[in-house]
Protein backbone atom coordinates (compact mmCIF):
# COMPACT_ATOMS: atom_id res chain seq x y z
CA MET A 1 -14.14 -5.89 9.04
CA ALA A 2 -10.66 -5.10 10.31
CA LYS A 3 -8.46 -2.89 8.18
CA ILE A 4 -5.17 -4.35 6.59
CA PRO A 5 -1.90 -2.85 7.94
CA SER A 6 -0.71 0.10 5.91
CA SER A 7 2.65 -1.78 5.20
CA VAL A 8 0.54 -3.91 2.71
CA LEU A 9 0.22 -0.96 0.43
CA SER A 10 4.02 0.17 0.79
CA VAL A 11 6.63 0.24 -1.86
CA SER A 12 8.32 -2.86 -0.46
CA ALA A 13 5.07 -4.84 -0.61
CA LEU A 14 4.84 -3.77 -4.27
CA LEU A 15 8.15 -5.20 -4.97
CA VAL A 16 7.29 -8.35 -3.05
CA HIS A 17 4.25 -8.96 -5.19
CA VAL A 18 5.64 -8.03 -8.48
CA ILE A 19 8.76 -10.19 -7.93
CA THR A 20 7.50 -13.23 -6.06
CA ILE A 21 4.19 -14.18 -7.32
CA PRO A 22 5.33 -14.08 -10.91
CA LEU A 23 8.45 -16.21 -10.00
CA PHE A 24 6.10 -18.62 -8.13
CA PHE A 25 3.96 -18.97 -11.22
CA LEU A 26 7.12 -19.55 -13.43
CA GLY A 27 8.61 -21.95 -11.14
CA PHE A 28 5.42 -24.00 -10.56
CA VAL A 29 4.81 -24.44 -14.27
CA LEU A 30 8.21 -25.52 -15.13
CA VAL A 31 9.10 -27.57 -11.88
CA TYR A 32 5.84 -29.12 -11.06
CA GLU A 33 5.30 -30.57 -14.55
CA SER A 34 1.67 -30.90 -14.33
CA SER A 35 0.57 -32.74 -17.55
CA TRP A 36 -2.74 -30.81 -18.10
CA ILE A 37 -1.14 -27.58 -17.46
CA ASN A 38 1.82 -28.27 -19.80
CA ASP A 39 -0.40 -29.56 -22.31
CA PHE A 40 -2.45 -26.30 -22.39
CA ILE A 41 0.51 -23.85 -22.27
CA SER A 42 2.39 -25.76 -25.00
CA GLY A 43 -0.77 -25.54 -27.12
CA GLY A 44 -1.20 -29.45 -26.91
CA THR A 45 2.28 -30.24 -28.71
CA GLY A 46 4.12 -31.14 -25.55
CA ASP A 47 6.96 -29.36 -26.98
CA PHE A 48 9.29 -28.11 -24.15
CA ASP A 49 10.64 -25.03 -25.85
CA ARG A 50 7.25 -23.75 -26.70
CA LEU A 51 6.12 -24.50 -23.03
CA VAL A 52 9.00 -22.36 -21.65
CA PHE A 53 8.36 -19.57 -24.13
CA ASN A 54 4.63 -19.44 -23.56
CA THR A 55 5.02 -19.56 -19.73
CA LEU A 56 7.61 -16.55 -19.89
CA MET A 57 5.13 -14.63 -21.84
CA LEU A 58 2.35 -15.47 -19.37
CA THR A 59 4.68 -14.51 -16.54
CA CYS A 60 5.32 -11.18 -18.27
CA ILE A 61 1.62 -10.65 -18.46
CA LEU A 62 1.37 -11.48 -14.76
CA VAL A 63 4.00 -8.76 -14.01
CA GLY A 64 2.32 -6.18 -16.15
CA VAL A 65 -1.15 -6.80 -14.52
CA LEU A 66 0.43 -6.67 -10.86
CA LEU A 67 2.29 -3.29 -11.74
CA ALA A 68 -0.89 -1.72 -13.40
CA SER A 69 -2.79 -2.74 -10.26
CA ARG A 70 -0.33 -2.13 -7.29
CA ILE A 71 1.42 1.05 -8.48
CA PRO A 72 -1.47 3.60 -8.40
CA VAL A 73 -2.71 2.02 -5.07
CA THR A 74 0.74 2.41 -3.55
CA ALA A 75 1.03 6.03 -4.91
CA LYS A 76 -2.35 6.84 -3.29
CA ARG A 77 -1.66 4.68 -0.06
CA LYS A 78 -1.76 7.59 2.37
CA GLU A 79 -5.30 8.37 1.13
CA MET A 80 -6.66 4.81 1.28
CA SER A 81 -7.74 2.44 3.62
CA PHE A 82 -8.33 -1.19 2.97
CA SER A 83 -10.42 -3.83 4.73
CA TRP A 84 -9.47 -7.53 4.44
CA TRP A 85 -12.64 -8.12 2.33
CA LEU A 86 -11.61 -5.50 -0.05
CA TYR A 87 -8.12 -6.72 -0.12
CA ILE A 88 -9.48 -10.11 -1.12
CA CYS A 89 -11.51 -8.80 -3.75
CA TRP A 90 -8.68 -6.70 -5.05
CA SER A 91 -6.44 -9.95 -5.08
CA LEU A 92 -9.27 -11.85 -7.10
CA ALA A 93 -9.72 -9.06 -9.40
CA GLU A 94 -5.84 -9.21 -10.29
CA ILE A 95 -5.97 -12.85 -11.03
CA THR A 96 -9.06 -12.41 -13.14
CA VAL A 97 -7.63 -9.64 -15.19
CA PHE A 98 -4.48 -11.71 -15.60
CA CYS A 99 -6.55 -14.57 -17.02
CA ALA A 100 -8.30 -12.36 -19.44
CA PHE A 101 -5.08 -11.20 -20.99
CA ALA A 102 -3.42 -14.62 -20.63
CA ALA A 103 -6.37 -16.13 -22.59
CA LEU A 104 -6.04 -13.36 -25.25
CA TYR A 105 -2.30 -14.35 -25.64
CA MET A 106 -2.89 -17.93 -25.90
CA ALA A 107 -5.74 -17.45 -28.36
CA LEU A 108 -3.44 -15.54 -30.44
CA ALA A 109 -0.36 -17.77 -30.01
CA VAL A 110 -2.22 -21.05 -30.65
CA PRO A 111 -4.56 -21.15 -33.79
CA SER A 112 -6.52 -24.14 -32.51
CA TYR A 113 -7.56 -21.94 -29.38
CA SER A 114 -10.48 -19.75 -29.28
CA TYR A 115 -10.73 -17.15 -26.63
CA PHE A 116 -13.48 -18.19 -24.18
CA PRO A 117 -12.05 -21.96 -24.08
CA ALA A 118 -8.68 -20.41 -23.56
CA LEU A 119 -10.10 -18.10 -20.69
CA GLY A 120 -11.59 -21.15 -18.90
CA GLU A 121 -8.32 -23.06 -19.04
CA CYS A 122 -6.49 -19.93 -17.88
CA LEU A 123 -8.86 -19.54 -14.87
CA HIS A 124 -8.21 -23.28 -14.00
CA VAL A 125 -4.59 -22.88 -14.10
CA ALA A 126 -4.63 -19.59 -12.19
CA VAL A 127 -6.89 -20.87 -9.55
CA PHE A 128 -4.64 -24.01 -9.01
CA ILE A 129 -1.38 -22.07 -8.87
CA LEU A 130 -1.71 -18.28 -7.72
CA PRO A 131 -3.82 -18.58 -4.24
CA TYR A 132 -0.65 -19.92 -2.73
CA PRO A 133 1.55 -16.90 -2.94
CA TYR A 134 -1.33 -14.60 -2.12
CA ILE A 135 -2.32 -16.67 0.98
CA VAL A 136 1.25 -16.74 2.23
CA PHE A 137 1.52 -13.02 1.81
CA ALA A 138 -1.82 -12.55 3.60
CA LEU A 139 -0.71 -14.85 6.67
CA GLN A 140 2.51 -12.83 6.82
CA ILE A 141 0.56 -9.70 7.02
CA ALA A 142 -1.96 -11.06 9.69
CA PHE A 143 0.72 -12.14 12.07
CA LEU A 144 3.08 -9.29 11.42
CA LYS A 145 3.31 -7.18 14.61
CA PRO A 146 3.46 -3.50 13.19
CA ASN A 147 3.63 -1.84 16.54
CA LYS A 148 6.82 -2.97 17.85
CA LYS A 149 8.45 -0.76 20.20
CA ALA A 150 10.94 1.53 18.31
CA PRO A 151 14.50 1.80 19.46
CA ALA A 152 15.22 5.01 21.57
CA ASP A 153 16.63 6.89 18.73
CA GLU A 154 13.50 6.44 16.68
CA ASP A 155 11.62 8.51 19.23
CA LEU A 156 13.32 11.41 17.74
CA VAL A 157 11.92 13.11 14.58
CA ARG A 158 14.62 14.63 12.62
CA PHE A 159 13.41 17.32 10.12
CA ALA A 160 15.45 18.37 7.26
CA ASP A 161 14.90 21.21 4.81
CA ASN A 162 14.31 20.56 1.02
CA THR A 163 18.10 20.73 0.60
CA GLY A 164 18.74 17.88 3.11
CA ARG A 165 20.07 20.12 5.91
CA LEU A 166 18.97 19.00 9.35
CA LYS A 167 17.00 21.84 10.92
CA LEU A 168 15.05 20.49 13.87
CA VAL A 169 15.14 17.47 16.12
CA ILE A 170 12.38 16.80 18.45
CA ALA A 171 10.70 13.82 20.32
CA HIS A 172 7.78 12.41 18.50
CA ASN A 173 5.53 12.67 21.62
CA VAL A 174 5.81 16.53 21.77
CA LEU A 175 4.88 17.12 18.31
CA LEU A 176 1.37 18.19 17.91
CA TYR A 177 0.57 19.01 14.26
CA ILE A 178 2.01 20.08 11.09
CA GLU A 179 0.55 22.75 8.70
CA ALA A 180 1.40 23.27 5.06
CA GLN A 181 2.08 27.12 4.27
CA GLU A 182 2.93 27.66 0.58
CA ASN A 183 6.65 26.57 0.27
CA TYR A 184 6.96 25.81 4.00
CA VAL A 185 5.56 23.60 6.58
CA SER A 186 4.68 25.06 9.95
CA ILE A 187 5.78 22.44 12.82
CA HIS A 188 3.62 22.80 16.03
CA TYR A 189 5.26 21.25 19.17
CA LEU A 190 5.81 21.60 22.82
CA GLU A 191 8.78 22.92 24.53
CA GLY A 192 8.24 22.05 28.13
CA GLU A 193 4.49 22.83 28.56
CA LYS A 194 4.47 25.69 26.19
CA PRO A 195 3.31 25.36 22.32
CA LYS A 196 6.00 26.54 19.81
CA GLU A 197 6.11 26.73 16.18
CA TYR A 198 8.83 26.26 13.61
CA SER A 199 8.74 27.03 10.01
CA LEU A 200 10.66 24.58 7.73
CA ARG A 201 11.23 25.04 4.06
CA GLN A 202 9.80 21.69 2.96
CA SER A 203 6.77 20.23 1.27
CA MET A 204 4.01 17.92 2.89
CA ARG A 205 5.06 15.33 0.37
CA GLY A 206 8.74 15.68 1.39
CA ILE A 207 7.82 14.76 5.15
CA GLU A 208 5.21 12.27 4.44
CA ASP A 209 7.42 9.12 4.74
CA LEU A 210 9.00 10.65 7.87
CA MET A 211 5.56 11.37 9.52
CA ASP A 212 4.39 7.73 8.55
CA ARG A 213 7.44 6.17 10.24
CA HIS A 214 6.56 7.98 13.57
CA GLY A 215 2.79 7.62 13.52
CA ILE A 216 1.71 11.18 12.56
CA ILE A 217 -0.94 10.75 10.27
CA ARG A 218 -2.41 13.03 7.52
CA CYS A 219 -5.93 14.29 8.56
CA GLN A 220 -6.33 16.80 5.91
CA ARG A 221 -4.51 17.74 2.47
CA SER A 222 -2.77 20.57 4.27
CA TYR A 223 -2.33 18.88 7.81
CA PHE A 224 -0.58 16.12 9.72
CA VAL A 225 -1.58 15.58 13.43
CA ASN A 226 -0.17 13.53 16.08
CA PRO A 227 -2.96 11.24 17.29
CA ARG A 228 -1.37 10.98 20.65
CA HIS A 229 -2.61 14.52 21.44
CA VAL A 230 -5.97 14.39 19.82
CA LYS A 231 -8.49 14.65 22.62
CA VAL A 232 -11.89 14.43 20.69
CA LEU A 233 -13.24 14.74 17.06
CA ARG A 234 -16.19 16.93 16.90
CA ARG A 235 -18.16 18.76 14.15
CA ASP A 236 -18.54 22.50 14.20
CA LYS A 237 -21.71 24.44 13.28
CA GLU A 238 -20.85 24.29 9.65
CA GLY A 239 -20.56 20.50 9.78
CA PHE A 240 -16.79 20.61 9.38
CA ILE A 241 -14.84 17.87 11.31
CA GLN A 242 -12.26 19.23 13.75
CA ALA A 243 -9.68 17.49 15.90
CA GLU A 244 -9.37 19.19 19.46
CA LEU A 245 -6.04 18.71 21.04
CA ASP A 246 -5.12 18.13 24.67
CA ILE A 247 -2.95 21.11 24.86
CA ALA A 248 -4.50 24.50 26.04
CA ASN A 249 -4.37 27.31 23.62
CA THR A 250 -3.91 25.35 20.56
CA LYS A 251 -6.38 25.60 17.73
CA PRO A 252 -8.45 22.84 16.41
CA VAL A 253 -6.99 20.92 13.51
CA PRO A 254 -9.26 20.22 10.53
CA VAL A 255 -10.03 16.62 9.38
CA SER A 256 -11.27 15.65 5.99
CA PRO A 257 -14.01 12.98 5.84
CA LYS A 258 -11.97 10.45 4.06
CA TYR A 259 -9.37 10.74 6.94
CA TYR A 260 -11.99 10.57 9.77
CA ASP A 261 -12.15 6.73 10.12
CA GLN A 262 -8.34 6.20 10.18
CA LEU A 263 -7.89 8.95 12.76
CA SER A 264 -10.81 7.84 14.89
CA GLU A 265 -9.77 4.25 15.21
CA LEU A 266 -6.44 5.53 16.76
CA LEU A 267 -7.94 7.40 19.48
């Protein structure tokens, strides 16, 4: 199944989920005023103050579940690839975990509720409310055009060292690959038709976002490669995957198995 855009796992997407989904839940309960939802959340009392307080507590639980779910994935987004089915299962798991903790809160907050009946009601409420923001966000992703042509200035890759000083500016289409070397990164690029190398005092993590913006992808823990210059992916005699570039006199770039699918889809 098709993979979702990498933007789904970005920091901005994390903020969208953690802010908009809980706000939608809070607003829906308090504005829509569904009698059976209000009756359950208020503990059967119909008391508005208790309804508001319990709704706020459930909203905080939802924020906590989303943070616990999204932050680790966002932190590891460069190493992960999600299909739409996996994303759907992930979203359903978030809703289910929220219901489990929400039911625990309701069982503790309302003496007349026991856990499993409260869990059933929480699932009922969540299925009634939460799919809407998830579906809207998924549709936004599906119709988003991530490959818009960048402005001319964005064709230039601006490399700064670890103090922030600009050291090298090159066009993204002449960049071949980048290799980690202790406290430096070695930038391999073309000058005319001749391969050149530049050592920059910087870390792979320090240039990760820059590479992502220009379509230069990680292919191994110590390497980024420009897929525009990858001619073929092949296994050597030892079974290791290597990316052969379309430029003469350049060494093959190693590719880890976990990055193979992402890179092969771009060729």
